[in-house]
Amino acid sequence: MRKRLIIAYDIFVLAGFGAYMALTVWRLPEALRHRLFTASMGFLTQLTGMPG
């Protein structure tokens, strides 16, 4: 029971942080938002080993 509570709490915290980051990024200027998205996708492709 305790393990499920910890996992649920972690999911809740990560979802809240994700929503906060999404709202923060949404307010950025278009060019900066595009650069941030491109950099994060590049990092994700390197991390997973998939060709970009």
PDB file of N, CA and C in Angstrom:
ATOM      1  N   MET A   1       0.826  -1.194   0.000  1.00  0.00           N
ATOM      2  CA  MET A   1       0.000   0.000   0.000  1.00  0.00           C
ATOM      3  C   MET A   1       0.869   1.256   0.000  1.00  0.00           C
ATOM      4  N   ARG A   2       1.916   1.236   0.818  1.00  0.00           N
ATOM      5  CA  ARG A   2       2.796   2.402   0.915  1.00  0.00           C
ATOM      6  C   ARG A   2       3.516   2.661  -0.410  1.00  0.00           C
ATOM      7  N   LYS A   3       3.917   1.564  -1.078  1.00  0.00           N
ATOM      8  CA  LYS A   3       4.609   1.703  -2.355  1.00  0.00           C
ATOM      9  C   LYS A   3       3.687   2.327  -3.404  1.00  0.00           C
ATOM     10  N   ARG A   4       2.429   1.926  -3.417  1.00  0.00           N
ATOM     11  CA  ARG A   4       1.473   2.506  -4.361  1.00  0.00           C
ATOM     12  C   ARG A   4       1.257   3.984  -4.089  1.00  0.00           C
ATOM     13  N   LEU A   5       1.229   4.350  -2.824  1.00  0.00           N
ATOM     14  CA  LEU A   5       1.054   5.749  -2.451  1.00  0.00           C
ATOM     15  C   LEU A   5       2.242   6.586  -2.920  1.00  0.00           C
ATOM     16  N   ILE A   6       3.430   6.065  -2.758  1.00  0.00           N
ATOM     17  CA  ILE A   6       4.637   6.780  -3.202  1.00  0.00           C
ATOM     18  C   ILE A   6       4.647   6.927  -4.715  1.00  0.00           C
ATOM     19  N   ILE A   7       4.291   5.877  -5.432  1.00  0.00           N
ATOM     20  CA  ILE A   7       4.259   5.933  -6.893  1.00  0.00           C
ATOM     21  C   ILE A   7       3.191   6.915  -7.365  1.00  0.00           C
ATOM     22  N   ALA A   8       2.023   6.898  -6.733  1.00  0.00           N
ATOM     23  CA  ALA A   8       0.964   7.847  -7.104  1.00  0.00           C
ATOM     24  C   ALA A   8       1.408   9.278  -6.840  1.00  0.00           C
ATOM     25  N   TYR A   9       2.082   9.498  -5.720  1.00  0.00           N
ATOM     26  CA  TYR A   9       2.584  10.842  -5.396  1.00  0.00           C
ATOM     27  C   TYR A   9       3.611  11.289  -6.433  1.00  0.00           C
ATOM     28  N   ASP A  10       4.523  10.398  -6.809  1.00  0.00           N
ATOM     29  CA  ASP A  10       5.534  10.736  -7.812  1.00  0.00           C
ATOM     30  C   ASP A  10       4.882  11.097  -9.150  1.00  0.00           C
ATOM     31  N   ILE A  11       3.889  10.328  -9.558  1.00  0.00           N
ATOM     32  CA  ILE A  11       3.200  10.615 -10.811  1.00  0.00           C
ATOM     33  C   ILE A  11       2.504  11.966 -10.736  1.00  0.00           C
ATOM     34  N   PHE A  12       1.859  12.246  -9.609  1.00  0.00           N
ATOM     35  CA  PHE A  12       1.172  13.521  -9.421  1.00  0.00           C
ATOM     36  C   PHE A  12       2.155  14.692  -9.484  1.00  0.00           C
ATOM     37  N   VAL A  13       3.296  14.565  -8.822  1.00  0.00           N
ATOM     38  CA  VAL A  13       4.300  15.631  -8.823  1.00  0.00           C
ATOM     39  C   VAL A  13       4.870  15.838 -10.223  1.00  0.00           C
ATOM     40  N   LEU A  14       5.188  14.761 -10.921  1.00  0.00           N
ATOM     41  CA  LEU A  14       5.723  14.882 -12.272  1.00  0.00           C
ATOM     42  C   LEU A  14       4.709  15.477 -13.238  1.00  0.00           C
ATOM     43  N   ALA A  15       3.440  15.121 -13.081  1.00  0.00           N
ATOM     44  CA  ALA A  15       2.402  15.700 -13.933  1.00  0.00           C
ATOM     45  C   ALA A  15       2.250  17.190 -13.666  1.00  0.00           C
ATOM     46  N   GLY A  16       2.307  17.576 -12.412  1.00  0.00           N
ATOM     47  CA  GLY A  16       2.235  18.990 -12.068  1.00  0.00           C
ATOM     48  C   GLY A  16       3.418  19.770 -12.604  1.00  0.00           C
ATOM     49  N   PHE A  17       4.602  19.188 -12.490  1.00  0.00           N
ATOM     50  CA  PHE A  17       5.798  19.846 -13.014  1.00  0.00           C
ATOM     51  C   PHE A  17       5.719  19.957 -14.532  1.00  0.00           C
ATOM     52  N   GLY A  18       5.218  18.917 -15.187  1.00  0.00           N
ATOM     53  CA  GLY A  18       5.070  18.946 -16.637  1.00  0.00           C
ATOM     54  C   GLY A  18       4.092  20.025 -17.077  1.00  0.00           C
ATOM     55  N   ALA A  19       2.984  20.166 -16.343  1.00  0.00           N
ATOM     56  CA  ALA A  19       2.011  21.207 -16.672  1.00  0.00           C
ATOM     57  C   ALA A  19       2.617  22.596 -16.466  1.00  0.00           C
ATOM     58  N   TYR A  20       3.377  22.760 -15.395  1.00  0.00           N
ATOM     59  CA  TYR A  20       4.031  24.038 -15.136  1.00  0.00           C
ATOM     60  C   TYR A  20       5.023  24.385 -16.252  1.00  0.00           C
ATOM     61  N   MET A  21       5.816  23.405 -16.663  1.00  0.00           N
ATOM     62  CA  MET A  21       6.794  23.645 -17.727  1.00  0.00           C
ATOM     63  C   MET A  21       6.094  23.951 -19.050  1.00  0.00           C
ATOM     64  N   ALA A  22       4.997  23.252 -19.333  1.00  0.00           N
ATOM     65  CA  ALA A  22       4.261  23.504 -20.568  1.00  0.00           C
ATOM     66  C   ALA A  22       3.717  24.931 -20.587  1.00  0.00           C
ATOM     67  N   LEU A  23       3.177  25.386 -19.469  1.00  0.00           N
ATOM     68  CA  LEU A  23       2.657  26.749 -19.405  1.00  0.00           C
ATOM     69  C   LEU A  23       3.782  27.778 -19.510  1.00  0.00           C
ATOM     70  N   THR A  24       4.938  27.463 -18.933  1.00  0.00           N
ATOM     71  CA  THR A  24       6.077  28.379 -19.011  1.00  0.00           C
ATOM     72  C   THR A  24       6.590  28.475 -20.440  1.00  0.00           C
ATOM     73  N   VAL A  25       6.736  27.330 -21.090  1.00  0.00           N
ATOM     74  CA  VAL A  25       7.242  27.313 -22.465  1.00  0.00           C
ATOM     75  C   VAL A  25       6.246  27.976 -23.405  1.00  0.00           C
ATOM     76  N   TRP A  26       4.958  27.810 -23.134  1.00  0.00           N
ATOM     77  CA  TRP A  26       3.927  28.379 -23.999  1.00  0.00           C
ATOM     78  C   TRP A  26       4.023  29.900 -24.056  1.00  0.00           C
ATOM     79  N   ARG A  27       4.501  30.522 -22.985  1.00  0.00           N
ATOM     80  CA  ARG A  27       4.597  31.982 -22.927  1.00  0.00           C
ATOM     81  C   ARG A  27       5.872  32.523 -23.558  1.00  0.00           C
ATOM     82  N   LEU A  28       6.773  31.645 -23.971  1.00  0.00           N
ATOM     83  CA  LEU A  28       8.008  32.093 -24.606  1.00  0.00           C
ATOM     84  C   LEU A  28       7.710  32.613 -26.018  1.00  0.00           C
ATOM     85  N   PRO A  29       8.592  33.473 -26.533  1.00  0.00           N
ATOM     86  CA  PRO A  29       8.424  33.909 -27.930  1.00  0.00           C
ATOM     87  C   PRO A  29       8.529  32.719 -28.881  1.00  0.00           C
ATOM     88  N   GLU A  30       7.915  32.847 -30.042  1.00  0.00           N
ATOM     89  CA  GLU A  30       7.827  31.740 -31.001  1.00  0.00           C
ATOM     90  C   GLU A  30       9.197  31.192 -31.406  1.00  0.00           C
ATOM     91  N   ALA A  31      10.148  32.075 -31.689  1.00  0.00           N
ATOM     92  CA  ALA A  31      11.474  31.620 -32.135  1.00  0.00           C
ATOM     93  C   ALA A  31      12.187  30.838 -31.030  1.00  0.00           C
ATOM     94  N   LEU A  32      12.102  31.322 -29.812  1.00  0.00           N
ATOM     95  CA  LEU A  32      12.756  30.641 -28.697  1.00  0.00           C
ATOM     96  C   LEU A  32      12.073  29.309 -28.398  1.00  0.00           C
ATOM     97  N   ARG A  33      10.752  29.275 -28.503  1.00  0.00           N
ATOM     98  CA  ARG A  33      10.001  28.031 -28.292  1.00  0.00           C
ATOM     99  C   ARG A  33      10.400  26.998 -29.340  1.00  0.00           C
ATOM    100  N   HIS A  34      10.544  27.431 -30.591  1.00  0.00           N
ATOM    101  CA  HIS A  34      10.928  26.515 -31.661  1.00  0.00           C
ATOM    102  C   HIS A  34      12.342  25.972 -31.439  1.00  0.00           C
ATOM    103  N   ARG A  35      13.262  26.835 -31.025  1.00  0.00           N
ATOM    104  CA  ARG A  35      14.635  26.386 -30.753  1.00  0.00           C
ATOM    105  C   ARG A  35      14.674  25.398 -29.605  1.00  0.00           C
ATOM    106  N   LEU A  36      13.916  25.662 -28.555  1.00  0.00           N
ATOM    107  CA  LEU A  36      13.861  24.759 -27.409  1.00  0.00           C
ATOM    108  C   LEU A  36      13.285  23.404 -27.806  1.00  0.00           C
ATOM    109  N   PHE A  37      12.226  23.409 -28.617  1.00  0.00           N
ATOM    110  CA  PHE A  37      11.617  22.169 -29.086  1.00  0.00           C
ATOM    111  C   PHE A  37      12.590  21.374 -29.946  1.00  0.00           C
ATOM    112  N   THR A  38      13.283  22.066 -30.850  1.00  0.00           N
ATOM    113  CA  THR A  38      14.244  21.390 -31.728  1.00  0.00           C
ATOM    114  C   THR A  38      15.390  20.780 -30.925  1.00  0.00           C
ATOM    115  N   ALA A  39      15.888  21.528 -29.946  1.00  0.00           N
ATOM    116  CA  ALA A  39      16.984  21.012 -29.119  1.00  0.00           C
ATOM    117  C   ALA A  39      16.531  19.805 -28.298  1.00  0.00           C
ATOM    118  N   SER A  40      15.331  19.856 -27.735  1.00  0.00           N
ATOM    119  CA  SER A  40      14.855  18.736 -26.924  1.00  0.00           C
ATOM    120  C   SER A  40      14.600  17.504 -27.787  1.00  0.00           C
ATOM    121  N   MET A  41      14.095  17.688 -29.012  1.00  0.00           N
ATOM    122  CA  MET A  41      13.891  16.549 -29.901  1.00  0.00           C
ATOM    123  C   MET A  41      15.225  15.961 -30.346  1.00  0.00           C
ATOM    124  N   GLY A  42      16.222  16.819 -30.583  1.00  0.00           N
ATOM    125  CA  GLY A  42      17.553  16.326 -30.929  1.00  0.00           C
ATOM    126  C   GLY A  42      18.165  15.513 -29.807  1.00  0.00           C
ATOM    127  N   PHE A  43      17.993  16.004 -28.586  1.00  0.00           N
ATOM    128  CA  PHE A  43      18.507  15.269 -27.425  1.00  0.00           C
ATOM    129  C   PHE A  43      17.793  13.934 -27.269  1.00  0.00           C
ATOM    130  N   LEU A  44      16.491  13.934 -27.484  1.00  0.00           N
ATOM    131  CA  LEU A  44      15.723  12.694 -27.355  1.00  0.00           C
ATOM    132  C   LEU A  44      16.127  11.669 -28.400  1.00  0.00           C
ATOM    133  N   THR A  45      16.391  12.113 -29.630  1.00  0.00           N
ATOM    134  CA  THR A  45      16.815  11.159 -30.659  1.00  0.00           C
ATOM    135  C   THR A  45      18.203  10.602 -30.352  1.00  0.00           C
ATOM    136  N   GLN A  46      19.084  11.422 -29.794  1.00  0.00           N
ATOM    137  CA  GLN A  46      20.405  10.906 -29.415  1.00  0.00           C
ATOM    138  C   GLN A  46      20.290   9.925 -28.252  1.00  0.00           C
ATOM    139  N   LEU A  47      19.415  10.239 -27.317  1.00  0.00           N
ATOM    140  CA  LEU A  47      19.239   9.391 -26.149  1.00  0.00           C
ATOM    141  C   LEU A  47      18.667   8.025 -26.524  1.00  0.00           C
ATOM    142  N   THR A  48      17.733   8.000 -27.459  1.00  0.00           N
ATOM    143  CA  THR A  48      17.111   6.744 -27.859  1.00  0.00           C
ATOM    144  C   THR A  48      17.878   6.025 -28.959  1.00  0.00           C
ATOM    145  N   GLY A  49      18.813   6.723 -29.619  1.00  0.00           N
ATOM    146  CA  GLY A  49      19.580   6.094 -30.675  1.00  0.00           C
ATOM    147  C   GLY A  49      18.865   6.054 -32.016  1.00  0.00           C
ATOM    148  N   MET A  50      17.774   6.779 -32.116  1.00  0.00           N
ATOM    149  CA  MET A  50      17.030   6.807 -33.373  1.00  0.00           C
ATOM    150  C   MET A  50      17.616   7.874 -34.298  1.00  0.00           C
ATOM    151  N   PRO A  51      17.587   7.626 -35.588  1.00  0.00           N
ATOM    152  CA  PRO A  51      18.111   8.654 -36.521  1.00  0.00           C
ATOM    153  C   PRO A  51      17.202   9.865 -36.554  1.00  0.00           C
ATOM    154  N   GLY A  52      17.809  11.033 -36.613  1.00  0.00           N
ATOM    155  CA  GLY A  52      17.034  12.265 -36.617  1.00  0.00           C
ATOM    156  C   GLY A  52      16.728  12.689 -37.977  1.00  0.00           C
TER     157      GLY A  52
END
